[in-house]
C-alpha atoms as a PDB file:
ATOM      1  CA  MET A   1      26.264 -96.830-269.341  1.00  0.00           C
ATOM      2  CA  ALA A   2      23.411 -99.315-269.451  1.00  0.00           C
ATOM      3  CA  GLN A   3      20.692 -98.735-272.010  1.00  0.00           C
ATOM      4  CA  ASP A   4      17.207 -98.003-270.775  1.00  0.00           C
ATOM      5  CA  ALA A   5      14.427-100.332-271.799  1.00  0.00           C
ATOM      6  CA  ASP A   6      12.185 -97.290-272.247  1.00  0.00           C
ATOM      7  CA  PRO A   7      13.304 -94.888-275.017  1.00  0.00           C
ATOM      8  CA  ALA A   8      10.757 -92.294-273.818  1.00  0.00           C
ATOM      9  CA  ALA A   9      12.394 -92.221-270.381  1.00  0.00           C
ATOM     10  CA  THR A  10      15.805 -91.788-271.980  1.00  0.00           C
ATOM     11  CA  GLU A  11      14.518 -88.931-274.120  1.00  0.00           C
ATOM     12  CA  GLU A  12      13.019 -87.217-271.080  1.00  0.00           C
ATOM     13  CA  ARG A  13      16.304 -87.530-269.151  1.00  0.00           C
ATOM     14  CA  LEU A  14      18.219 -86.065-272.101  1.00  0.00           C
ATOM     15  CA  LYS A  15      15.733 -83.215-272.459  1.00  0.00           C
ATOM     16  CA  SER A  16      16.007 -82.499-268.731  1.00  0.00           C
ATOM     17  CA  ALA A  17      19.789 -82.372-268.969  1.00  0.00           C
ATOM     18  CA  LEU A  18      19.536 -80.063-271.973  1.00  0.00           C
ATOM     19  CA  TRP A  19      17.052 -77.812-270.155  1.00  0.00           C
ATOM     20  CA  TYR A  20      19.401 -77.621-267.170  1.00  0.00           C
ATOM     21  CA  SER A  21      22.436 -76.789-269.333  1.00  0.00           C
ATOM     22  CA  ILE A  22      20.609 -74.166-271.350  1.00  0.00           C
ATOM     23  CA  GLY A  23      19.207 -72.695-268.150  1.00  0.00           C
ATOM     24  CA  ARG A  24      22.701 -72.301-266.690  1.00  0.00           C
ATOM     25  CA  ILE A  25      24.003 -70.641-269.856  1.00  0.00           C
ATOM     26  CA  VAL A  26      21.026 -68.281-270.041  1.00  0.00           C
ATOM     27  CA  ASP A  27      21.373 -67.410-266.338  1.00  0.00           C
ATOM     28  CA  GLU A  28      25.058 -66.566-266.757  1.00  0.00           C
ATOM     29  CA  ASP A  29      24.389 -64.388-269.785  1.00  0.00           C
ATOM     30  CA  SER A  30      21.348 -62.768-268.174  1.00  0.00           C
ATOM     31  CA  LEU A  31      23.383 -61.701-265.159  1.00  0.00           C
ATOM     32  CA  GLY A  32      26.024 -60.156-267.396  1.00  0.00           C
ATOM     33  CA  LEU A  33      23.412 -58.287-269.412  1.00  0.00           C
ATOM     34  CA  LYS A  34      21.318 -57.419-266.357  1.00  0.00           C
ATOM     35  CA  VAL A  35      18.129 -58.855-267.870  1.00  0.00           C
ATOM     36  CA  ASN A  36      15.752 -61.591-266.762  1.00  0.00           C
ATOM     37  CA  ALA A  37      14.888 -64.731-268.697  1.00  0.00           C
ATOM     38  CA  THR A  38      11.638 -66.496-267.916  1.00  0.00           C
ATOM     39  CA  PRO A  39      11.342 -70.253-267.516  1.00  0.00           C
ATOM     40  CA  GLN A  40       9.095 -70.192-270.599  1.00  0.00           C
ATOM     41  CA  PHE A  41      11.913 -68.643-272.630  1.00  0.00           C
ATOM     42  CA  ILE A  42      14.350 -71.321-271.427  1.00  0.00           C
ATOM     43  CA  ALA A  43      11.824 -74.060-272.241  1.00  0.00           C
ATOM     44  CA  ALA A  44      11.239 -72.656-275.738  1.00  0.00           C
ATOM     45  CA  LEU A  45      14.979 -72.386-276.350  1.00  0.00           C
ATOM     46  CA  MET A  46      15.426 -75.957-275.149  1.00  0.00           C
ATOM     47  CA  GLU A  47      12.698 -77.254-277.498  1.00  0.00           C
ATOM     48  CA  MET A  48      14.199 -75.381-280.432  1.00  0.00           C
ATOM     49  CA  THR A  49      17.654 -76.756-279.603  1.00  0.00           C
ATOM     50  CA  TRP A  50      16.258 -80.280-279.237  1.00  0.00           C
ATOM     51  CA  ALA A  51      14.611 -80.066-282.662  1.00  0.00           C
ATOM     52  CA  GLN A  52      17.878 -78.864-284.188  1.00  0.00           C
ATOM     53  CA  ILE A  53      19.811 -81.708-282.545  1.00  0.00           C
ATOM     54  CA  GLU A  54      17.310 -84.234-283.932  1.00  0.00           C
ATOM     55  CA  ASN A  55      17.673 -82.802-287.444  1.00  0.00           C
ATOM     56  CA  VAL A  56      21.457 -82.813-287.242  1.00  0.00           C
ATOM     57  CA  ALA A  57      21.489 -86.406-285.998  1.00  0.00           C
ATOM     58  CA  LYS A  58      19.205 -87.581-288.812  1.00  0.00           C
ATOM     59  CA  ASP A  59      21.291 -85.769-291.432  1.00  0.00           C
ATOM     60  CA  LEU A  60      24.539 -87.248-290.105  1.00  0.00           C
ATOM     61  CA  GLU A  61      23.033 -90.737-290.121  1.00  0.00           C
ATOM     62  CA  CYS A  62      21.878 -90.238-293.726  1.00  0.00           C
ATOM     63  CA  PHE A  63      25.308 -88.996-294.829  1.00  0.00           C
ATOM     64  CA  ALA A  64      27.000 -92.030-293.286  1.00  0.00           C
ATOM     65  CA  ARG A  65      24.439 -94.412-294.769  1.00  0.00           C
ATOM     66  CA  HIS A  66      24.915 -92.794-298.188  1.00  0.00           C
ATOM     67  CA  GLY A  67      28.632 -93.529-297.836  1.00  0.00           C
ATOM     68  CA  ASN A  68      27.790 -97.192-297.076  1.00  0.00           C
ATOM     69  CA  ARG A  69      28.983 -96.792-293.499  1.00  0.00           C
ATOM     70  CA  TYR A  70      27.417 -97.454-290.135  1.00  0.00           C
ATOM     71  CA  SER A  71      29.597 -94.917-288.320  1.00  0.00           C
ATOM     72  CA  ILE A  72      29.547 -91.157-288.646  1.00  0.00           C
ATOM     73  CA  ASN A  73      32.958 -89.682-289.406  1.00  0.00           C
ATOM     74  CA  VAL A  74      34.584 -86.268-289.851  1.00  0.00           C
ATOM     75  CA  SER A  75      33.633 -86.013-293.514  1.00  0.00           C
ATOM     76  CA  ASP A  76      29.942 -86.356-292.566  1.00  0.00           C
ATOM     77  CA  VAL A  77      30.229 -83.527-290.047  1.00  0.00           C
ATOM     78  CA  LEU A  78      32.027 -81.319-292.579  1.00  0.00           C
ATOM     79  CA  LEU A  79      29.342 -82.075-295.160  1.00  0.00           C
ATOM     80  CA  LEU A  80      26.694 -81.030-292.651  1.00  0.00           C
ATOM     81  CA  ALA A  81      28.506 -77.727-292.004  1.00  0.00           C
ATOM     82  CA  ARG A  82      29.018 -76.917-295.700  1.00  0.00           C
ATOM     83  CA  ARG A  83      26.404 -74.132-295.745  1.00  0.00           C
ATOM     84  CA  ASN A  84      27.870 -72.323-292.762  1.00  0.00           C
ATOM     85  CA  GLU A  85      31.272 -71.107-293.942  1.00  0.00           C
ATOM     86  CA  GLY A  86      32.416 -69.919-290.526  1.00  0.00           C
ATOM     87  CA  LEU A  87      31.508 -73.179-288.835  1.00  0.00           C
ATOM     88  CA  GLU A  88      32.978 -75.225-291.662  1.00  0.00           C
ATOM     89  CA  THR A  89      36.271 -73.330-291.389  1.00  0.00           C
ATOM     90  CA  VAL A  90      36.467 -73.856-287.637  1.00  0.00           C
ATOM     91  CA  LEU A  91      35.627 -77.566-287.945  1.00  0.00           C
ATOM     92  CA  LYS A  92      38.168 -78.122-290.736  1.00  0.00           C
ATOM     93  CA  GLN A  93      40.844 -76.385-288.701  1.00  0.00           C
ATOM     94  CA  TYR A  94      39.987 -78.492-285.639  1.00  0.00           C
ATOM     95  CA  ALA A  95      40.010 -81.715-287.690  1.00  0.00           C
ATOM     96  CA  GLU A  96      43.425 -80.813-289.115  1.00  0.00           C
ATOM     97  CA  GLU A  97      44.771 -80.112-285.611  1.00  0.00           C
ATOM     98  CA  LEU A  98      43.469 -83.479-284.381  1.00  0.00           C
ATOM     99  CA  GLN A  99      45.022 -85.261-287.344  1.00  0.00           C
ATOM    100  CA  ALA A 100      48.359 -83.507-286.766  1.00  0.00           C
ATOM    101  CA  ALA A 101      48.251 -84.456-283.083  1.00  0.00           C
ATOM    102  CA  ARG A 102      47.579 -88.104-284.011  1.00  0.00           C
ATOM    103  CA  VAL A 103      50.501 -88.128-286.434  1.00  0.00           C
ATOM    104  CA  THR A 104      52.788 -86.538-283.850  1.00  0.00           C
ATOM    105  CA  ALA A 105      51.679 -89.021-281.195  1.00  0.00           C
ATOM    106  CA  SER A 106      52.257 -91.998-283.500  1.00  0.00           C
ATOM    107  CA  ASP A 107      55.719 -90.663-284.451  1.00  0.00           C
ATOM    108  CA  ALA A 108      56.662 -90.269-280.786  1.00  0.00           C
ATOM    109  CA  ARG A 109      55.912 -93.915-279.955  1.00  0.00           C
ATOM    110  CA  PRO A 110      59.035 -96.031-279.843  1.00  0.00           C
ATOM    111  CA  GLY A 111      59.127 -98.821-282.377  1.00  0.00           C
ATOM    112  CA  PRO A 112      60.330-102.340-281.724  1.00  0.00           C
ATOM    113  CA  MET A 113      63.968-102.587-280.760  1.00  0.00           C
ATOM    114  CA  SER A 114      66.306-103.913-283.406  1.00  0.00           C
ATOM    115  CA  LYS A 115      68.537-106.921-282.700  1.00  0.00           C
ATOM    116  CA  ARG A 116      71.570-104.678-282.769  1.00  0.00           C
ATOM    117  CA  THR A 117      70.127-102.370-280.057  1.00  0.00           C
ATOM    118  CA  ARG A 118      69.221-105.321-277.814  1.00  0.00           C
ATOM    119  CA  THR A 119      72.635-106.939-278.008  1.00  0.00           C
ATOM    120  CA  GLN A 120      74.633-103.825-277.220  1.00  0.00           C
END
């Protein structure tokens, strides 16, 4: 994906995509609950979500920088979730599952053939 020269245009596109996604989720839930949600409600929810995303991004960047890294890793995300026990538990469990899957995948890869195997 090519980077835009205009960061404001990129931000507006991202906000539009967020508004659309939140709108779809709210519409689905509204139908199930048999209530209506106004466009103003969706816009307010989108702005609140956007602000939260900005805060999370800044915190993750600070955690990585504090660790003398330029990349955000799993430990940064877990540090961010430390005050929400339920979320932290879910994220730890997911990280452990990913790690186990990586180990299993690396164990399943065939290694180089030995001379004995090639000559037989």
